[in-house]
């Protein structure tokens, strides 16, 4: 519940407690700052079993629908080199304290003053990890295997270079004219995009029956170019 005025706090608190008790049998709640018009910025990290941790720039995932990401890009258009360094080092410190190993994503919200707030850590590869692979030249899946085998990271932080700009769009089986509800049926024809610096991670094929039993994500289209405008 969002509270804008102090006079509304107690009523909202009582309602939240009632909902929590009904749903979970526990009426404890917590307060956090509400950030208007936030940007969703996440930091990709790699951590090996030898104590080495690096961050691989950031991804911006602010374009969402119902809190589900639709478009992701790297680097972010609002993150300065100084902010990237600060957020990256904060992410490294966090996973270091947790003694984390592997690939992971530290997610933040960034407000209009470029102040950032910790959201969560995803202890896996994200759907949007290919944009990081495009701008860093690293294969994150391969690096996960290397870490699992006890190998050291292939580079140190100062060797990480972010080059160009990558954008990913999620292709969803949804009806945009009907409040983005799932769109079911049979795919009759598919023509996949291709070319230099175009990657298409797809489950689509002619004859595929799209049912309501699974996630609506059908494919991911990722592109890279020298600049954001070109991408």
Protein backbone atom coordinates (compact mmCIF):
# COMPACT_ATOMS: atom_id res chain seq x y z
CA UNK A 1 0.00 0.00 0.00
CA UNK A 2 1.29 3.43 -0.94
CA UNK A 3 0.86 6.16 1.67
CA UNK A 4 1.26 9.74 0.47
CA UNK A 5 -0.05 11.57 3.58
CA UNK A 6 0.70 10.90 7.24
CA UNK A 7 -3.02 10.97 8.05
CA UNK A 8 -3.53 7.87 5.89
CA UNK A 9 -0.79 5.81 7.55
CA UNK A 10 -2.73 4.11 10.36
CA UNK A 11 -5.65 3.09 8.15
CA UNK A 12 -3.32 1.64 5.51
CA UNK A 13 -1.30 -0.12 8.21
CA UNK A 14 -4.43 -1.75 9.65
CA UNK A 15 -5.54 -2.91 6.20
CA UNK A 16 -2.10 -4.27 5.35
CA UNK A 17 -1.98 -6.15 8.66
CA UNK A 18 -5.41 -7.62 8.03
CA UNK A 19 -4.45 -8.76 4.53
CA UNK A 20 -1.19 -10.23 5.80
CA UNK A 21 -2.91 -12.15 8.59
CA UNK A 22 -5.54 -13.48 6.19
CA UNK A 23 -3.00 -14.56 3.56
CA UNK A 24 -0.05 -15.69 5.68
CA UNK A 25 -1.24 -16.01 9.28
CA UNK A 26 1.26 -13.31 10.23
CA UNK A 27 0.33 -9.64 10.53
CA UNK A 28 3.84 -8.23 10.63
CA UNK A 29 4.54 -5.66 7.90
CA UNK A 30 7.46 -3.47 6.96
CA UNK A 31 7.85 0.04 5.61
CA UNK A 32 10.06 1.14 2.75
CA UNK A 33 10.52 4.33 0.79
CA UNK A 34 8.26 4.67 -2.24
CA UNK A 35 10.21 5.81 -5.29
CA UNK A 36 8.23 7.60 -7.98
CA UNK A 37 9.28 7.06 -11.59
CA UNK A 38 12.11 4.69 -10.70
CA UNK A 39 14.64 3.23 -13.11
CA UNK A 40 15.34 -0.48 -12.82
CA UNK A 41 19.11 -0.93 -13.05
CA UNK A 42 20.84 -4.26 -12.46
CA UNK A 43 24.50 -5.21 -12.19
CA UNK A 44 25.81 -8.50 -13.61
CA UNK A 45 28.50 -10.12 -11.48
CA UNK A 46 30.77 -13.17 -11.75
CA UNK A 47 32.35 -14.70 -8.63
CA UNK A 48 34.72 -17.67 -8.56
CA UNK A 49 35.72 -20.02 -5.72
CA UNK A 50 39.09 -18.24 -5.31
CA UNK A 51 37.59 -15.01 -3.95
CA UNK A 52 37.62 -13.14 -7.27
CA UNK A 53 34.54 -11.07 -8.11
CA UNK A 54 33.94 -8.73 -11.04
CA UNK A 55 30.99 -6.69 -12.27
CA UNK A 56 30.16 -6.52 -15.96
CA UNK A 57 28.48 -3.16 -16.27
CA UNK A 58 24.76 -2.65 -15.92
CA UNK A 59 21.51 -3.45 -17.67
CA UNK A 60 18.53 -1.11 -17.72
CA UNK A 61 15.18 -2.90 -17.47
CA UNK A 62 12.82 0.03 -16.81
CA UNK A 63 10.39 -0.63 -19.68
CA UNK A 64 7.97 -3.06 -18.07
CA UNK A 65 4.36 -4.13 -18.15
CA UNK A 66 2.75 -5.30 -14.88
CA UNK A 67 6.23 -5.30 -13.31
CA UNK A 68 7.47 -7.74 -15.99
CA UNK A 69 10.44 -6.64 -18.08
CA UNK A 70 9.84 -6.14 -21.80
CA UNK A 71 12.93 -4.30 -23.07
CA UNK A 72 16.43 -4.47 -21.62
CA UNK A 73 19.59 -2.69 -22.70
CA UNK A 74 23.23 -2.22 -21.83
CA UNK A 75 24.63 0.21 -20.99
CA UNK A 76 21.95 2.38 -19.37
CA UNK A 77 21.42 5.86 -20.78
CA UNK A 78 21.35 7.40 -17.27
CA UNK A 79 24.30 5.65 -15.63
CA UNK A 80 27.49 7.71 -15.59
CA UNK A 81 30.94 6.09 -15.33
CA UNK A 82 31.12 7.23 -11.69
CA UNK A 83 27.70 5.78 -10.86
CA UNK A 84 28.55 2.55 -12.69
CA UNK A 85 31.70 2.17 -10.60
CA UNK A 86 29.87 2.93 -7.35
CA UNK A 87 26.99 0.55 -8.02
CA UNK A 88 29.31 -2.13 -9.37
CA UNK A 89 31.52 -2.00 -6.30
CA UNK A 90 28.45 -2.07 -4.03
CA UNK A 91 27.22 -5.19 -5.85
CA UNK A 92 30.62 -6.85 -5.48
CA UNK A 93 30.73 -6.10 -1.75
CA UNK A 94 27.25 -7.51 -1.27
CA UNK A 95 27.92 -10.86 -2.94
CA UNK A 96 31.33 -11.04 -1.29
CA UNK A 97 29.73 -10.81 2.15
CA UNK A 98 27.35 -13.60 1.13
CA UNK A 99 30.30 -15.75 -0.07
CA UNK A 100 28.46 -16.16 -3.36
CA UNK A 101 29.91 -18.13 -6.28
CA UNK A 102 28.77 -18.18 -9.89
CA UNK A 103 26.96 -15.73 -12.14
CA UNK A 104 24.43 -13.46 -10.47
CA UNK A 105 22.53 -10.23 -10.82
CA UNK A 106 22.25 -7.53 -8.17
CA UNK A 107 19.15 -5.46 -8.85
CA UNK A 108 18.58 -1.83 -7.83
CA UNK A 109 16.02 0.92 -8.18
CA UNK A 110 17.45 4.33 -9.12
CA UNK A 111 15.51 7.53 -8.40
CA UNK A 112 15.47 10.84 -10.28
CA UNK A 113 18.50 12.05 -8.30
CA UNK A 114 20.52 8.96 -9.26
CA UNK A 115 20.33 7.59 -5.73
CA UNK A 116 20.11 3.81 -5.83
CA UNK A 117 18.33 1.34 -3.58
CA UNK A 118 18.94 -2.40 -3.27
CA UNK A 119 16.13 -4.60 -4.57
CA UNK A 120 17.28 -8.22 -4.68
CA UNK A 121 19.92 -10.65 -5.91
CA UNK A 122 19.03 -13.16 -8.60
CA UNK A 123 21.31 -16.15 -8.10
CA UNK A 124 21.17 -17.30 -11.70
CA UNK A 125 21.43 -16.08 -15.26
CA UNK A 126 18.71 -13.60 -16.21
CA UNK A 127 16.55 -13.72 -19.32
CA UNK A 128 18.34 -10.54 -20.41
CA UNK A 129 21.91 -11.78 -19.92
CA UNK A 130 22.67 -11.74 -23.71
CA UNK A 131 22.88 -7.93 -23.78
CA UNK A 132 25.77 -8.15 -21.31
CA UNK A 133 27.40 -10.84 -23.45
CA UNK A 134 27.18 -8.58 -26.51
CA UNK A 135 28.79 -5.53 -24.87
CA UNK A 136 31.49 -7.44 -22.95
CA UNK A 137 32.29 -10.25 -25.38
CA UNK A 138 32.00 -12.79 -22.53
CA UNK A 139 29.99 -16.01 -22.73
CA UNK A 140 28.28 -16.05 -19.33
CA UNK A 141 27.07 -19.64 -19.67
CA UNK A 142 30.62 -20.81 -20.34
CA UNK A 143 31.88 -18.78 -17.38
CA UNK A 144 29.33 -20.49 -15.14
CA UNK A 145 30.71 -23.88 -16.17
CA UNK A 146 34.28 -22.68 -15.62
CA UNK A 147 33.44 -21.43 -12.13
CA UNK A 148 31.67 -24.70 -11.30
CA UNK A 149 34.81 -26.59 -12.33
CA UNK A 150 36.89 -24.55 -9.88
CA UNK A 151 38.63 -22.35 -12.45
CA UNK A 152 39.53 -18.71 -11.88
CA UNK A 153 37.80 -15.84 -13.66
CA UNK A 154 39.37 -15.11 -17.06
CA UNK A 155 39.94 -11.41 -16.34
CA UNK A 156 40.17 -8.84 -13.57
CA UNK A 157 37.96 -5.77 -13.14
CA UNK A 158 40.18 -3.27 -14.95
CA UNK A 159 40.18 -5.56 -18.00
CA UNK A 160 36.38 -5.47 -18.34
CA UNK A 161 35.48 -3.29 -21.34
CA UNK A 162 31.96 -2.19 -22.31
CA UNK A 163 31.78 -1.68 -26.05
CA UNK A 164 28.81 -0.49 -28.10
CA UNK A 165 25.17 -0.86 -27.12
CA UNK A 166 22.88 -3.88 -26.95
CA UNK A 167 19.09 -4.04 -26.73
CA UNK A 168 16.85 -7.04 -26.06
CA UNK A 169 13.11 -7.20 -26.70
CA UNK A 170 10.89 -9.99 -25.44
CA UNK A 171 8.45 -11.43 -27.96
CA UNK A 172 5.31 -12.37 -26.04
CA UNK A 173 2.18 -14.33 -26.93
CA UNK A 174 -0.10 -11.55 -25.75
CA UNK A 175 -2.95 -9.53 -27.21
CA UNK A 176 -1.87 -5.89 -27.03
CA UNK A 177 -5.41 -4.76 -27.99
CA UNK A 178 -6.94 -6.69 -25.08
CA UNK A 179 -4.99 -5.52 -22.02
CA UNK A 180 -2.05 -7.82 -22.86
CA UNK A 181 -3.99 -10.97 -22.01
CA UNK A 182 -2.43 -14.27 -23.20
CA UNK A 183 -3.00 -14.88 -26.88
CA UNK A 184 -3.47 -18.59 -27.61
CA UNK A 185 -3.49 -20.53 -30.87
CA UNK A 186 -1.25 -22.08 -33.51
CA UNK A 187 1.66 -20.24 -35.11
CA UNK A 188 1.22 -20.70 -38.85
CA UNK A 189 4.33 -18.92 -40.13
CA UNK A 190 7.60 -17.66 -38.70
CA UNK A 191 10.40 -15.68 -40.29
CA UNK A 192 13.27 -15.16 -37.89
CA UNK A 193 15.41 -12.01 -38.14
CA UNK A 194 19.11 -12.40 -38.74
CA UNK A 195 22.27 -10.68 -39.85
CA UNK A 196 25.38 -9.28 -38.22
CA UNK A 197 25.06 -8.69 -34.48
CA UNK A 198 21.50 -10.02 -34.37
CA UNK A 199 20.77 -12.85 -31.95
CA UNK A 200 17.44 -14.62 -31.76
CA UNK A 201 16.83 -16.97 -28.82
CA UNK A 202 13.56 -18.49 -29.93
CA UNK A 203 11.16 -21.33 -29.22
CA UNK A 204 8.92 -20.44 -32.15
CA UNK A 205 8.31 -22.58 -35.21
CA UNK A 206 5.52 -23.03 -37.72
CA UNK A 207 2.93 -25.35 -36.21
CA UNK A 208 3.72 -24.51 -32.58
CA UNK A 209 0.57 -24.54 -30.49
CA UNK A 210 0.67 -21.71 -27.96
CA UNK A 211 -1.27 -22.89 -24.91
CA UNK A 212 -2.26 -21.20 -21.68
CA UNK A 213 -0.23 -23.56 -19.52
CA UNK A 214 3.15 -21.84 -19.90
CA UNK A 215 4.81 -18.45 -19.74
CA UNK A 216 3.88 -16.18 -22.64
CA UNK A 217 7.54 -15.56 -23.60
CA UNK A 218 8.17 -17.04 -27.05
CA UNK A 219 11.51 -15.56 -28.05
CA UNK A 220 14.14 -12.95 -27.29
CA UNK A 221 15.55 -10.70 -29.99
CA UNK A 222 18.92 -9.16 -29.11
CA UNK A 223 20.85 -6.69 -31.27
CA UNK A 224 24.16 -4.88 -30.93
CA UNK A 225 25.63 -1.81 -32.61
CA UNK A 226 28.19 0.90 -31.97
CA UNK A 227 25.68 3.26 -30.35
CA UNK A 228 22.23 3.21 -28.76
CA UNK A 229 20.70 5.03 -31.72
CA UNK A 230 22.13 2.52 -34.20
CA UNK A 231 21.05 -0.43 -32.07
